[in-house]
Amino acid sequence: MPSPGEDFQLARLTHFCDKGGLLYPSGLLFGFVRKLEDLVTECFSRHQLHADSIIDVLAVVKERLLREIGCPSHAPTLSATIINFYVVARLHFYTKGLNLAKSARRQKAKHLKLSRCS
């Protein structure tokens, strides 16, 4: 078992070698994703979900998200990849929530109908 001083040194080594990864996004990445989240939330709050919702969201993002993330040679590709992943994931969970609520309403109506019949 390592001594308490050795634990501290190992923790310092881990902290020194840790590049952050996804646990600690850089301030630029955090700001980029926060702005993206604000735009997506605003778009969902103003418009009903429909077949072309992803097009609407991407149009708003393209128009109003003016910054890119990464080095100049990779910034367009990296930014587009982050936007693509984020919007698709956000739409997935948004529609999943809507479908869950719709299913709950359907079940409630079904139980109400059954209670009236018996």
PDB file of N, CA and C in Angstrom:
ATOM      1  N   MET A   1       0.840  -1.168   0.000  1.00  0.00           N
ATOM      2  CA  MET A   1       0.000   0.000   0.000  1.00  0.00           C
ATOM      3  C   MET A   1       0.895   1.245   0.000  1.00  0.00           C
ATOM      4  N   PRO A   2       0.625   2.214  -0.872  1.00  0.00           N
ATOM      5  CA  PRO A   2       1.486   3.398  -0.918  1.00  0.00           C
ATOM      6  C   PRO A   2       1.281   4.294   0.297  1.00  0.00           C
ATOM      7  N   SER A   3       2.331   5.002   0.648  1.00  0.00           N
ATOM      8  CA  SER A   3       2.237   5.941   1.776  1.00  0.00           C
ATOM      9  C   SER A   3       1.417   7.167   1.359  1.00  0.00           C
ATOM     10  N   PRO A   4       0.881   7.940   2.343  1.00  0.00           N
ATOM     11  CA  PRO A   4       0.083   9.121   2.003  1.00  0.00           C
ATOM     12  C   PRO A   4       0.824  10.121   1.119  1.00  0.00           C
ATOM     13  N   GLY A   5       2.107  10.310   1.355  1.00  0.00           N
ATOM     14  CA  GLY A   5       2.890  11.224   0.526  1.00  0.00           C
ATOM     15  C   GLY A   5       3.012  10.729  -0.905  1.00  0.00           C
ATOM     16  N   GLU A   6       3.124   9.402  -1.041  1.00  0.00           N
ATOM     17  CA  GLU A   6       3.229   8.809  -2.370  1.00  0.00           C
ATOM     18  C   GLU A   6       1.916   8.968  -3.134  1.00  0.00           C
ATOM     19  N   ASP A   7       0.774   8.825  -2.442  1.00  0.00           N
ATOM     20  CA  ASP A   7      -0.532   9.043  -3.074  1.00  0.00           C
ATOM     21  C   ASP A   7      -0.633  10.457  -3.634  1.00  0.00           C
ATOM     22  N   PHE A   8      -0.166  11.423  -2.843  1.00  0.00           N
ATOM     23  CA  PHE A   8      -0.225  12.814  -3.276  1.00  0.00           C
ATOM     24  C   PHE A   8       0.629  13.024  -4.526  1.00  0.00           C
ATOM     25  N   GLN A   9       1.815  12.405  -4.540  1.00  0.00           N
ATOM     26  CA  GLN A   9       2.701  12.547  -5.697  1.00  0.00           C
ATOM     27  C   GLN A   9       2.084  11.901  -6.937  1.00  0.00           C
ATOM     28  N   LEU A  10       1.436  10.747  -6.758  1.00  0.00           N
ATOM     29  CA  LEU A  10       0.768  10.094  -7.886  1.00  0.00           C
ATOM     30  C   LEU A  10      -0.391  10.949  -8.392  1.00  0.00           C
ATOM     31  N   ALA A  11      -1.122  11.567  -7.471  1.00  0.00           N
ATOM     32  CA  ALA A  11      -2.223  12.445  -7.871  1.00  0.00           C
ATOM     33  C   ALA A  11      -1.694  13.647  -8.644  1.00  0.00           C
ATOM     34  N   ARG A  12      -0.580  14.213  -8.186  1.00  0.00           N
ATOM     35  CA  ARG A  12       0.019  15.349  -8.902  1.00  0.00           C
ATOM     36  C   ARG A  12       0.482  14.926 -10.290  1.00  0.00           C
ATOM     37  N   LEU A  13       1.070  13.722 -10.397  1.00  0.00           N
ATOM     38  CA  LEU A  13       1.512  13.222 -11.696  1.00  0.00           C
ATOM     39  C   LEU A  13       0.318  13.048 -12.632  1.00  0.00           C
ATOM     40  N   THR A  14      -0.759  12.464 -12.124  1.00  0.00           N
ATOM     41  CA  THR A  14      -1.965  12.285 -12.934  1.00  0.00           C
ATOM     42  C   THR A  14      -2.504  13.630 -13.396  1.00  0.00           C
ATOM     43  N   HIS A  15      -2.572  14.590 -12.487  1.00  0.00           N
ATOM     44  CA  HIS A  15      -3.072  15.921 -12.833  1.00  0.00           C
ATOM     45  C   HIS A  15      -2.173  16.584 -13.876  1.00  0.00           C
ATOM     46  N   PHE A  16      -0.852  16.407 -13.740  1.00  0.00           N
ATOM     47  CA  PHE A  16       0.091  17.005 -14.673  1.00  0.00           C
ATOM     48  C   PHE A  16      -0.034  16.379 -16.064  1.00  0.00           C
ATOM     49  N   CYS A  17      -0.205  15.060 -16.132  1.00  0.00           N
ATOM     50  CA  CYS A  17      -0.263  14.351 -17.415  1.00  0.00           C
ATOM     51  C   CYS A  17      -1.634  14.406 -18.069  1.00  0.00           C
ATOM     52  N   ASP A  18      -2.662  14.732 -17.309  1.00  0.00           N
ATOM     53  CA  ASP A  18      -4.026  14.727 -17.826  1.00  0.00           C
ATOM     54  C   ASP A  18      -4.220  15.873 -18.806  1.00  0.00           C
ATOM     55  N   LYS A  19      -4.598  15.550 -20.018  1.00  0.00           N
ATOM     56  CA  LYS A  19      -4.847  16.564 -21.036  1.00  0.00           C
ATOM     57  C   LYS A  19      -6.291  17.054 -21.008  1.00  0.00           C
ATOM     58  N   GLY A  20      -7.108  16.503 -20.155  1.00  0.00           N
ATOM     59  CA  GLY A  20      -8.493  16.960 -20.034  1.00  0.00           C
ATOM     60  C   GLY A  20      -9.464  16.033 -20.707  1.00  0.00           C
ATOM     61  N   GLY A  21      -9.281  15.778 -21.958  1.00  0.00           N
ATOM     62  CA  GLY A  21     -10.220  14.932 -22.682  1.00  0.00           C
ATOM     63  C   GLY A  21     -11.622  15.498 -22.615  1.00  0.00           C
ATOM     64  N   LEU A  22     -12.586  14.636 -22.508  1.00  0.00           N
ATOM     65  CA  LEU A  22     -13.972  15.073 -22.436  1.00  0.00           C
ATOM     66  C   LEU A  22     -14.383  15.472 -21.032  1.00  0.00           C
ATOM     67  N   LEU A  23     -13.588  15.099 -20.029  1.00  0.00           N
ATOM     68  CA  LEU A  23     -13.941  15.472 -18.666  1.00  0.00           C
ATOM     69  C   LEU A  23     -13.786  16.960 -18.430  1.00  0.00           C
ATOM     70  N   TYR A  24     -12.782  17.544 -19.033  1.00  0.00           N
ATOM     71  CA  TYR A  24     -12.487  18.954 -18.817  1.00  0.00           C
ATOM     72  C   TYR A  24     -12.376  19.658 -20.167  1.00  0.00           C
ATOM     73  N   PRO A  25     -13.496  20.036 -20.767  1.00  0.00           N
ATOM     74  CA  PRO A  25     -13.395  20.707 -22.072  1.00  0.00           C
ATOM     75  C   PRO A  25     -12.724  22.067 -21.915  1.00  0.00           C
ATOM     76  N   SER A  26     -12.077  22.487 -22.959  1.00  0.00           N
ATOM     77  CA  SER A  26     -11.450  23.811 -22.921  1.00  0.00           C
ATOM     78  C   SER A  26     -12.544  24.872 -22.851  1.00  0.00           C
ATOM     79  N   GLY A  27     -12.166  26.058 -22.460  1.00  0.00           N
ATOM     80  CA  GLY A  27     -13.126  27.158 -22.392  1.00  0.00           C
ATOM     81  C   GLY A  27     -13.746  27.447 -23.746  1.00  0.00           C
ATOM     82  N   LEU A  28     -12.940  27.331 -24.810  1.00  0.00           N
ATOM     83  CA  LEU A  28     -13.460  27.573 -26.161  1.00  0.00           C
ATOM     84  C   LEU A  28     -14.499  26.527 -26.557  1.00  0.00           C
ATOM     85  N   LEU A  29     -14.206  25.257 -26.279  1.00  0.00           N
ATOM     86  CA  LEU A  29     -15.156  24.196 -26.611  1.00  0.00           C
ATOM     87  C   LEU A  29     -16.428  24.334 -25.787  1.00  0.00           C
ATOM     88  N   PHE A  30     -16.275  24.637 -24.510  1.00  0.00           N
ATOM     89  CA  PHE A  30     -17.441  24.815 -23.649  1.00  0.00           C
ATOM     90  C   PHE A  30     -18.313  25.962 -24.152  1.00  0.00           C
ATOM     91  N   GLY A  31     -17.701  27.083 -24.504  1.00  0.00           N
ATOM     92  CA  GLY A  31     -18.455  28.227 -25.029  1.00  0.00           C
ATOM     93  C   GLY A  31     -19.137  27.901 -26.347  1.00  0.00           C
ATOM     94  N   PHE A  32     -18.452  27.151 -27.204  1.00  0.00           N
ATOM     95  CA  PHE A  32     -19.008  26.749 -28.499  1.00  0.00           C
ATOM     96  C   PHE A  32     -20.250  25.889 -28.309  1.00  0.00           C
ATOM     97  N   VAL A  33     -20.142  24.886 -27.441  1.00  0.00           N
ATOM     98  CA  VAL A  33     -21.270  23.978 -27.206  1.00  0.00           C
ATOM     99  C   VAL A  33     -22.404  24.701 -26.483  1.00  0.00           C
ATOM    100  N   ARG A  34     -22.074  25.611 -25.573  1.00  0.00           N
ATOM    101  CA  ARG A  34     -23.122  26.362 -24.876  1.00  0.00           C
ATOM    102  C   ARG A  34     -23.898  27.238 -25.864  1.00  0.00           C
ATOM    103  N   LYS A  35     -23.197  27.908 -26.777  1.00  0.00           N
ATOM    104  CA  LYS A  35     -23.865  28.734 -27.793  1.00  0.00           C
ATOM    105  C   LYS A  35     -24.723  27.850 -28.698  1.00  0.00           C
ATOM    106  N   LEU A  36     -24.199  26.698 -29.060  1.00  0.00           N
ATOM    107  CA  LEU A  36     -24.945  25.743 -29.877  1.00  0.00           C
ATOM    108  C   LEU A  36     -26.207  25.288 -29.153  1.00  0.00           C
ATOM    109  N   GLU A  37     -26.089  24.984 -27.872  1.00  0.00           N
ATOM    110  CA  GLU A  37     -27.248  24.579 -27.064  1.00  0.00           C
ATOM    111  C   GLU A  37     -28.288  25.689 -27.008  1.00  0.00           C
ATOM    112  N   ASP A  38     -27.852  26.921 -26.825  1.00  0.00           N
ATOM    113  CA  ASP A  38     -28.788  28.047 -26.783  1.00  0.00           C
ATOM    114  C   ASP A  38     -29.552  28.187 -28.097  1.00  0.00           C
ATOM    115  N   LEU A  39     -28.857  28.037 -29.213  1.00  0.00           N
ATOM    116  CA  LEU A  39     -29.507  28.151 -30.520  1.00  0.00           C
ATOM    117  C   LEU A  39     -30.504  27.016 -30.756  1.00  0.00           C
ATOM    118  N   VAL A  40     -30.117  25.799 -30.405  1.00  0.00           N
ATOM    119  CA  VAL A  40     -31.006  24.645 -30.590  1.00  0.00           C
ATOM    120  C   VAL A  40     -32.236  24.779 -29.696  1.00  0.00           C
ATOM    121  N   THR A  41     -32.043  25.171 -28.449  1.00  0.00           N
ATOM    122  CA  THR A  41     -33.166  25.351 -27.525  1.00  0.00           C
ATOM    123  C   THR A  41     -34.111  26.432 -28.026  1.00  0.00           C
ATOM    124  N   GLU A  42     -33.549  27.527 -28.497  1.00  0.00           N
ATOM    125  CA  GLU A  42     -34.379  28.609 -29.037  1.00  0.00           C
ATOM    126  C   GLU A  42     -35.180  28.135 -30.242  1.00  0.00           C
ATOM    127  N   CYS A  43     -34.556  27.369 -31.106  1.00  0.00           N
ATOM    128  CA  CYS A  43     -35.238  26.856 -32.298  1.00  0.00           C
ATOM    129  C   CYS A  43     -36.379  25.914 -31.909  1.00  0.00           C
ATOM    130  N   PHE A  44     -36.145  25.035 -30.939  1.00  0.00           N
ATOM    131  CA  PHE A  44     -37.191  24.109 -30.503  1.00  0.00           C
ATOM    132  C   PHE A  44     -38.324  24.830 -29.793  1.00  0.00           C
ATOM    133  N   SER A  45     -38.021  25.915 -29.109  1.00  0.00           N
ATOM    134  CA  SER A  45     -39.077  26.622 -28.383  1.00  0.00           C
ATOM    135  C   SER A  45     -39.933  27.473 -29.316  1.00  0.00           C
ATOM    136  N   ARG A  46     -39.406  27.830 -30.470  1.00  0.00           N
ATOM    137  CA  ARG A  46     -40.165  28.672 -31.412  1.00  0.00           C
ATOM    138  C   ARG A  46     -40.934  27.877 -32.459  1.00  0.00           C
ATOM    139  N   HIS A  47     -40.449  26.697 -32.790  1.00  0.00           N
ATOM    140  CA  HIS A  47     -41.037  25.930 -33.892  1.00  0.00           C
ATOM    141  C   HIS A  47     -41.500  24.560 -33.414  1.00  0.00           C
ATOM    142  N   GLN A  48     -42.596  24.091 -33.995  1.00  0.00           N
ATOM    143  CA  GLN A  48     -43.070  22.732 -33.746  1.00  0.00           C
ATOM    144  C   GLN A  48     -42.134  21.753 -34.451  1.00  0.00           C
ATOM    145  N   LEU A  49     -42.018  20.562 -33.902  1.00  0.00           N
ATOM    146  CA  LEU A  49     -41.201  19.527 -34.519  1.00  0.00           C
ATOM    147  C   LEU A  49     -41.907  19.023 -35.773  1.00  0.00           C
ATOM    148  N   HIS A  50     -41.171  18.933 -36.869  1.00  0.00           N
ATOM    149  CA  HIS A  50     -41.720  18.411 -38.121  1.00  0.00           C
ATOM    150  C   HIS A  50     -40.603  17.712 -38.885  1.00  0.00           C
ATOM    151  N   ALA A  51     -40.932  17.225 -40.068  1.00  0.00           N
ATOM    152  CA  ALA A  51     -39.976  16.415 -40.824  1.00  0.00           C
ATOM    153  C   ALA A  51     -38.682  17.166 -41.157  1.00  0.00           C
ATOM    154  N   ASP A  52     -38.760  18.465 -41.354  1.00  0.00           N
ATOM    155  CA  ASP A  52     -37.579  19.245 -41.726  1.00  0.00           C
ATOM    156  C   ASP A  52     -36.973  20.014 -40.553  1.00  0.00           C
ATOM    157  N   SER A  53     -37.239  19.577 -39.338  1.00  0.00           N
ATOM    158  CA  SER A  53     -36.715  20.282 -38.165  1.00  0.00           C
ATOM    159  C   SER A  53     -35.196  20.352 -38.162  1.00  0.00           C
ATOM    160  N   ILE A  54     -34.544  19.287 -38.605  1.00  0.00           N
ATOM    161  CA  ILE A  54     -33.082  19.295 -38.609  1.00  0.00           C
ATOM    162  C   ILE A  54     -32.558  20.359 -39.565  1.00  0.00           C
ATOM    163  N   ILE A  55     -33.259  20.561 -40.682  1.00  0.00           N
ATOM    164  CA  ILE A  55     -32.869  21.598 -41.644  1.00  0.00           C
ATOM    165  C   ILE A  55     -33.039  22.976 -41.016  1.00  0.00           C
ATOM    166  N   ASP A  56     -34.149  23.163 -40.297  1.00  0.00           N
ATOM    167  CA  ASP A  56     -34.395  24.445 -39.626  1.00  0.00           C
ATOM    168  C   ASP A  56     -33.312  24.748 -38.595  1.00  0.00           C
ATOM    169  N   VAL A  57     -32.984  23.751 -37.780  1.00  0.00           N
ATOM    170  CA  VAL A  57     -31.973  23.940 -36.739  1.00  0.00           C
ATOM    171  C   VAL A  57     -30.623  24.259 -37.373  1.00  0.00           C
ATOM    172  N   LEU A  58     -30.250  23.515 -38.396  1.00  0.00           N
ATOM    173  CA  LEU A  58     -28.959  23.750 -39.043  1.00  0.00           C
ATOM    174  C   LEU A  58     -28.901  25.116 -39.720  1.00  0.00           C
ATOM    175  N   ALA A  59     -30.028  25.573 -40.272  1.00  0.00           N
ATOM    176  CA  ALA A  59     -30.060  26.908 -40.882  1.00  0.00           C
ATOM    177  C   ALA A  59     -29.829  27.990 -39.830  1.00  0.00           C
ATOM    178  N   VAL A  60     -30.471  27.841 -38.673  1.00  0.00           N
ATOM    179  CA  VAL A  60     -30.283  28.810 -37.588  1.00  0.00           C
ATOM    180  C   VAL A  60     -28.839  28.774 -37.095  1.00  0.00           C
ATOM    181  N   VAL A  61     -28.295  27.585 -36.925  1.00  0.00           N
ATOM    182  CA  VAL A  61     -26.916  27.447 -36.450  1.00  0.00           C
ATOM    183  C   VAL A  61     -25.944  28.063 -37.458  1.00  0.00           C
ATOM    184  N   LYS A  62     -26.153  27.784 -38.736  1.00  0.00           N
ATOM    185  CA  LYS A  62     -25.258  28.324 -39.770  1.00  0.00           C
ATOM    186  C   LYS A  62     -25.303  29.847 -39.797  1.00  0.00           C
ATOM    187  N   GLU A  63     -26.488  30.397 -39.596  1.00  0.00           N
ATOM    188  CA  GLU A  63     -26.657  31.847 -39.646  1.00  0.00           C
ATOM    189  C   GLU A  63     -26.088  32.547 -38.414  1.00  0.00           C
ATOM    190  N   ARG A  64     -26.245  31.929 -37.246  1.00  0.00           N
ATOM    191  CA  ARG A  64     -25.951  32.655 -36.009  1.00  0.00           C
ATOM    192  C   ARG A  64     -24.758  32.154 -35.209  1.00  0.00           C
ATOM    193  N   LEU A  65     -24.222  30.972 -35.524  1.00  0.00           N
ATOM    194  CA  LEU A  65     -23.028  30.475 -34.821  1.00  0.00           C
ATOM    195  C   LEU A  65     -21.815  30.841 -35.667  1.00  0.00           C
ATOM    196  N   LEU A  66     -21.209  31.957 -35.336  1.00  0.00           N
ATOM    197  CA  LEU A  66     -20.164  32.517 -36.183  1.00  0.00           C
ATOM    198  C   LEU A  66     -18.767  32.021 -35.844  1.00  0.00           C
ATOM    199  N   ARG A  67     -18.591  31.403 -34.704  1.00  0.00           N
ATOM    200  CA  ARG A  67     -17.251  30.965 -34.313  1.00  0.00           C
ATOM    201  C   ARG A  67     -17.014  29.517 -34.713  1.00  0.00           C
ATOM    202  N   GLU A  68     -15.740  29.175 -34.815  1.00  0.00           N
ATOM    203  CA  GLU A  68     -15.325  27.805 -35.086  1.00  0.00           C
ATOM    204  C   GLU A  68     -14.372  27.385 -33.981  1.00  0.00           C
ATOM    205  N   ILE A  69     -14.151  26.098 -33.882  1.00  0.00           N
ATOM    206  CA  ILE A  69     -13.305  25.560 -32.820  1.00  0.00           C
ATOM    207  C   ILE A  69     -12.164  24.776 -33.462  1.00  0.00           C
ATOM    208  N   GLY A  70     -10.968  24.911 -32.923  1.00  0.00           N
ATOM    209  CA  GLY A  70      -9.825  24.162 -33.425  1.00  0.00           C
ATOM    210  C   GLY A  70      -8.838  25.035 -34.170  1.00  0.00           C
ATOM    211  N   CYS A  71      -7.778  24.410 -34.656  1.00  0.00           N
ATOM    212  CA  CYS A  71      -6.752  25.134 -35.408  1.00  0.00           C
ATOM    213  C   CYS A  71      -7.320  25.552 -36.766  1.00  0.00           C
ATOM    214  N   PRO A  72      -6.728  26.550 -37.405  1.00  0.00           N
ATOM    215  CA  PRO A  72      -7.287  27.055 -38.666  1.00  0.00           C
ATOM    216  C   PRO A  72      -7.459  25.995 -39.755  1.00  0.00           C
ATOM    217  N   SER A  73      -6.555  25.031 -39.833  1.00  0.00           N
ATOM    218  CA  SER A  73      -6.673  24.032 -40.904  1.00  0.00           C
ATOM    219  C   SER A  73      -7.773  23.005 -40.638  1.00  0.00           C
ATOM    220  N   HIS A  74      -8.098  22.745 -39.371  1.00  0.00           N
ATOM    221  CA  HIS A  74      -9.104  21.736 -39.042  1.00  0.00           C
ATOM    222  C   HIS A  74     -10.402  22.328 -38.505  1.00  0.00           C
ATOM    223  N   ALA A  75     -10.442  23.623 -38.278  1.00  0.00           N
ATOM    224  CA  ALA A  75     -11.609  24.250 -37.646  1.00  0.00           C
ATOM    225  C   ALA A  75     -12.919  23.997 -38.389  1.00  0.00           C
ATOM    226  N   PRO A  76     -12.979  24.165 -39.715  1.00  0.00           N
ATOM    227  CA  PRO A  76     -14.271  23.928 -40.385  1.00  0.00           C
ATOM    228  C   PRO A  76     -14.768  22.490 -40.233  1.00  0.00           C
ATOM    229  N   THR A  77     -13.872  21.527 -40.405  1.00  0.00           N
ATOM    230  CA  THR A  77     -14.260  20.117 -40.302  1.00  0.00           C
ATOM    231  C   THR A  77     -14.634  19.746 -38.873  1.00  0.00           C
ATOM    232  N   LEU A  78     -13.812  20.156 -37.918  1.00  0.00           N
ATOM    233  CA  LEU A  78     -14.078  19.841 -36.518  1.00  0.00           C
ATOM    234  C   LEU A  78     -15.375  20.488 -36.048  1.00  0.00           C
ATOM    235  N   SER A  79     -15.576  21.745 -36.394  1.00  0.00           N
ATOM    236  CA  SER A  79     -16.802  22.447 -35.996  1.00  0.00           C
ATOM    237  C   SER A  79     -18.029  21.775 -36.597  1.00  0.00           C
ATOM    238  N   ALA A  80     -17.949  21.416 -37.875  1.00  0.00           N
ATOM    239  CA  ALA A  80     -19.076  20.749 -38.535  1.00  0.00           C
ATOM    240  C   ALA A  80     -19.375  19.400 -37.889  1.00  0.00           C
ATOM    241  N   THR A  81     -18.337  18.657 -37.513  1.00  0.00           N
ATOM    242  CA  THR A  81     -18.526  17.358 -36.867  1.00  0.00           C
ATOM    243  C   THR A  81     -19.192  17.515 -35.505  1.00  0.00           C
ATOM    244  N   ILE A  82     -18.749  18.506 -34.733  1.00  0.00           N
ATOM    245  CA  ILE A  82     -19.348  18.752 -33.419  1.00  0.00           C
ATOM    246  C   ILE A  82     -20.806  19.162 -33.575  1.00  0.00           C
ATOM    247  N   ILE A  83     -21.080  20.062 -34.512  1.00  0.00           N
ATOM    248  CA  ILE A  83     -22.457  20.520 -34.743  1.00  0.00           C
ATOM    249  C   ILE A  83     -23.328  19.354 -35.174  1.00  0.00           C
ATOM    250  N   ASN A  84     -22.837  18.542 -36.103  1.00  0.00           N
ATOM    251  CA  ASN A  84     -23.604  17.397 -36.593  1.00  0.00           C
ATOM    252  C   ASN A  84     -23.948  16.445 -35.452  1.00  0.00           C
ATOM    253  N   PHE A  85     -22.944  16.050 -34.678  1.00  0.00           N
ATOM    254  CA  PHE A  85     -23.181  15.125 -33.576  1.00  0.00           C
ATOM    255  C   PHE A  85     -24.159  15.714 -32.570  1.00  0.00           C
ATOM    256  N   TYR A  86     -23.947  16.960 -32.204  1.00  0.00           N
ATOM    257  CA  TYR A  86     -24.771  17.583 -31.174  1.00  0.00           C
ATOM    258  C   TYR A  86     -26.230  17.704 -31.620  1.00  0.00           C
ATOM    259  N   VAL A  87     -26.453  18.178 -32.841  1.00  0.00           N
ATOM    260  CA  VAL A  87     -27.827  18.373 -33.324  1.00  0.00           C
ATOM    261  C   VAL A  87     -28.545  17.033 -33.466  1.00  0.00           C
ATOM    262  N   VAL A  88     -27.871  16.036 -34.006  1.00  0.00           N
ATOM    263  CA  VAL A  88     -28.500  14.716 -34.154  1.00  0.00           C
ATOM    264  C   VAL A  88     -28.823  14.117 -32.783  1.00  0.00           C
ATOM    265  N   ALA A  89     -27.884  14.201 -31.846  1.00  0.00           N
ATOM    266  CA  ALA A  89     -28.135  13.669 -30.498  1.00  0.00           C
ATOM    267  C   ALA A  89     -29.264  14.430 -29.816  1.00  0.00           C
ATOM    268  N   ARG A  90     -29.263  15.738 -29.947  1.00  0.00           N
ATOM    269  CA  ARG A  90     -30.297  16.566 -29.310  1.00  0.00           C
ATOM    270  C   ARG A  90     -31.672  16.260 -29.896  1.00  0.00           C
ATOM    271  N   LEU A  91     -31.761  16.129 -31.224  1.00  0.00           N
ATOM    272  CA  LEU A  91     -33.039  15.776 -31.854  1.00  0.00           C
ATOM    273  C   LEU A  91     -33.492  14.384 -31.435  1.00  0.00           C
ATOM    274  N   HIS A  92     -32.562  13.459 -31.316  1.00  0.00           N
ATOM    275  CA  HIS A  92     -32.909  12.104 -30.884  1.00  0.00           C
ATOM    276  C   HIS A  92     -33.571  12.126 -29.511  1.00  0.00           C
ATOM    277  N   PHE A  93     -32.932  12.792 -28.557  1.00  0.00           N
ATOM    278  CA  PHE A  93     -33.479  12.806 -27.203  1.00  0.00           C
ATOM    279  C   PHE A  93     -34.730  13.671 -27.097  1.00  0.00           C
ATOM    280  N   TYR A  94     -34.826  14.705 -27.910  1.00  0.00           N
ATOM    281  CA  TYR A  94     -36.031  15.538 -27.928  1.00  0.00           C
ATOM    282  C   TYR A  94     -37.230  14.729 -28.429  1.00  0.00           C
ATOM    283  N   THR A  95     -37.054  14.018 -29.548  1.00  0.00           N
ATOM    284  CA  THR A  95     -38.156  13.208 -30.071  1.00  0.00           C
ATOM    285  C   THR A  95     -38.466  12.030 -29.153  1.00  0.00           C
ATOM    286  N   LYS A  96     -37.448  11.481 -28.514  1.00  0.00           N
ATOM    287  CA  LYS A  96     -37.676  10.393 -27.565  1.00  0.00           C
ATOM    288  C   LYS A  96     -38.555  10.875 -26.415  1.00  0.00           C
ATOM    289  N   GLY A  97     -38.290  12.075 -25.913  1.00  0.00           N
ATOM    290  CA  GLY A  97     -39.113  12.659 -24.851  1.00  0.00           C
ATOM    291  C   GLY A  97     -40.534  12.919 -25.311  1.00  0.00           C
ATOM    292  N   LEU A  98     -40.682  13.429 -26.531  1.00  0.00           N
ATOM    293  CA  LEU A  98     -42.028  13.673 -27.067  1.00  0.00           C
ATOM    294  C   LEU A  98     -42.791  12.364 -27.235  1.00  0.00           C
ATOM    295  N   ASN A  99     -42.118  11.344 -27.747  1.00  0.00           N
ATOM    296  CA  ASN A  99     -42.769  10.046 -27.929  1.00  0.00           C
ATOM    297  C   ASN A  99     -43.157   9.419 -26.597  1.00  0.00           C
ATOM    298  N   LEU A 100     -42.330   9.594 -25.587  1.00  0.00           N
ATOM    299  CA  LEU A 100     -42.641   9.075 -24.259  1.00  0.00           C
ATOM    300  C   LEU A 100     -43.881   9.764 -23.691  1.00  0.00           C
ATOM    301  N   ALA A 101     -43.954  11.078 -23.847  1.00  0.00           N
ATOM    302  CA  ALA A 101     -45.121  11.825 -23.365  1.00  0.00           C
ATOM    303  C   ALA A 101     -46.377  11.415 -24.126  1.00  0.00           C
ATOM    304  N   LYS A 102     -46.241  11.225 -25.433  1.00  0.00           N
ATOM    305  CA  LYS A 102     -47.378  10.808 -26.258  1.00  0.00           C
ATOM    306  C   LYS A 102     -47.848   9.413 -25.853  1.00  0.00           C
ATOM    307  N   SER A 103     -46.909   8.524 -25.594  1.00  0.00           N
ATOM    308  CA  SER A 103     -47.238   7.170 -25.165  1.00  0.00           C
ATOM    309  C   SER A 103     -47.944   7.185 -23.811  1.00  0.00           C
ATOM    310  N   ALA A 104     -47.479   8.040 -22.910  1.00  0.00           N
ATOM    311  CA  ALA A 104     -48.111   8.139 -21.588  1.00  0.00           C
ATOM    312  C   ALA A 104     -49.544   8.644 -21.713  1.00  0.00           C
ATOM    313  N   ARG A 105     -49.767   9.630 -22.578  1.00  0.00           N
ATOM    314  CA  ARG A 105     -51.139  10.124 -22.797  1.00  0.00           C
ATOM    315  C   ARG A 105     -52.020   9.032 -23.391  1.00  0.00           C
ATOM    316  N   ARG A 106     -51.454   8.271 -24.316  1.00  0.00           N
ATOM    317  CA  ARG A 106     -52.203   7.187 -24.951  1.00  0.00           C
ATOM    318  C   ARG A 106     -52.584   6.121 -23.922  1.00  0.00           C
ATOM    319  N   GLN A 107     -51.642   5.763 -23.046  1.00  0.00           N
ATOM    320  CA  GLN A 107     -51.912   4.776 -21.998  1.00  0.00           C
ATOM    321  C   GLN A 107     -52.974   5.288 -21.028  1.00  0.00           C
ATOM    322  N   LYS A 108     -52.892   6.551 -20.681  1.00  0.00           N
ATOM    323  CA  LYS A 108     -53.866   7.147 -19.768  1.00  0.00           C
ATOM    324  C   LYS A 108     -55.264   7.108 -20.383  1.00  0.00           C
ATOM    325  N   ALA A 109     -55.362   7.442 -21.664  1.00  0.00           N
ATOM    326  CA  ALA A 109     -56.654   7.404 -22.351  1.00  0.00           C
ATOM    327  C   ALA A 109     -57.176   5.969 -22.433  1.00  0.00           C
ATOM    328  N   LYS A 110     -56.282   5.023 -22.670  1.00  0.00           N
ATOM    329  CA  LYS A 110     -56.669   3.613 -22.749  1.00  0.00           C
ATOM    330  C   LYS A 110     -57.216   3.133 -21.405  1.00  0.00           C
ATOM    331  N   HIS A 111     -56.540   3.488 -20.312  1.00  0.00           N
ATOM    332  CA  HIS A 111     -57.003   3.084 -18.982  1.00  0.00           C
ATOM    333  C   HIS A 111     -58.329   3.752 -18.635  1.00  0.00           C
ATOM    334  N   LEU A 112     -58.494   4.991 -19.039  1.00  0.00           N
ATOM    335  CA  LEU A 112     -59.746   5.695 -18.795  1.00  0.00           C
ATOM    336  C   LEU A 112     -60.888   5.022 -19.552  1.00  0.00           C
ATOM    337  N   LYS A 113     -60.620   4.638 -20.791  1.00  0.00           N
ATOM    338  CA  LYS A 113     -61.628   3.962 -21.606  1.00  0.00           C
ATOM    339  C   LYS A 113     -61.995   2.613 -20.984  1.00  0.00           C
ATOM    340  N   LEU A 114     -60.978   1.864 -20.527  1.00  0.00           N
ATOM    341  CA  LEU A 114     -61.236   0.566 -19.907  1.00  0.00           C
ATOM    342  C   LEU A 114     -62.004   0.712 -18.595  1.00  0.00           C
ATOM    343  N   SER A 115     -61.727   1.757 -17.841  1.00  0.00           N
ATOM    344  CA  SER A 115     -62.431   1.947 -16.566  1.00  0.00           C
ATOM    345  C   SER A 115     -63.900   2.300 -16.796  1.00  0.00           C
ATOM    346  N   ARG A 116     -64.196   2.944 -17.892  1.00  0.00           N
ATOM    347  CA  ARG A 116     -65.595   3.268 -18.211  1.00  0.00           C
ATOM    348  C   ARG A 116     -66.366   2.041 -18.673  1.00  0.00           C
ATOM    349  N   CYS A 117     -65.665   1.110 -19.313  1.00  0.00           N
ATOM    350  CA  CYS A 117     -66.330  -0.085 -19.835  1.00  0.00           C
ATOM    351  C   CYS A 117     -66.641  -1.099 -18.740  1.00  0.00           C
ATOM    352  N   SER A 118     -65.895  -1.107 -17.663  1.00  0.00           N
ATOM    353  CA  SER A 118     -66.115  -2.124 -16.639  1.00  0.00           C
ATOM    354  C   SER A 118     -66.857  -1.601 -15.450  1.00  0.00           C
TER     355      SER A 118
END
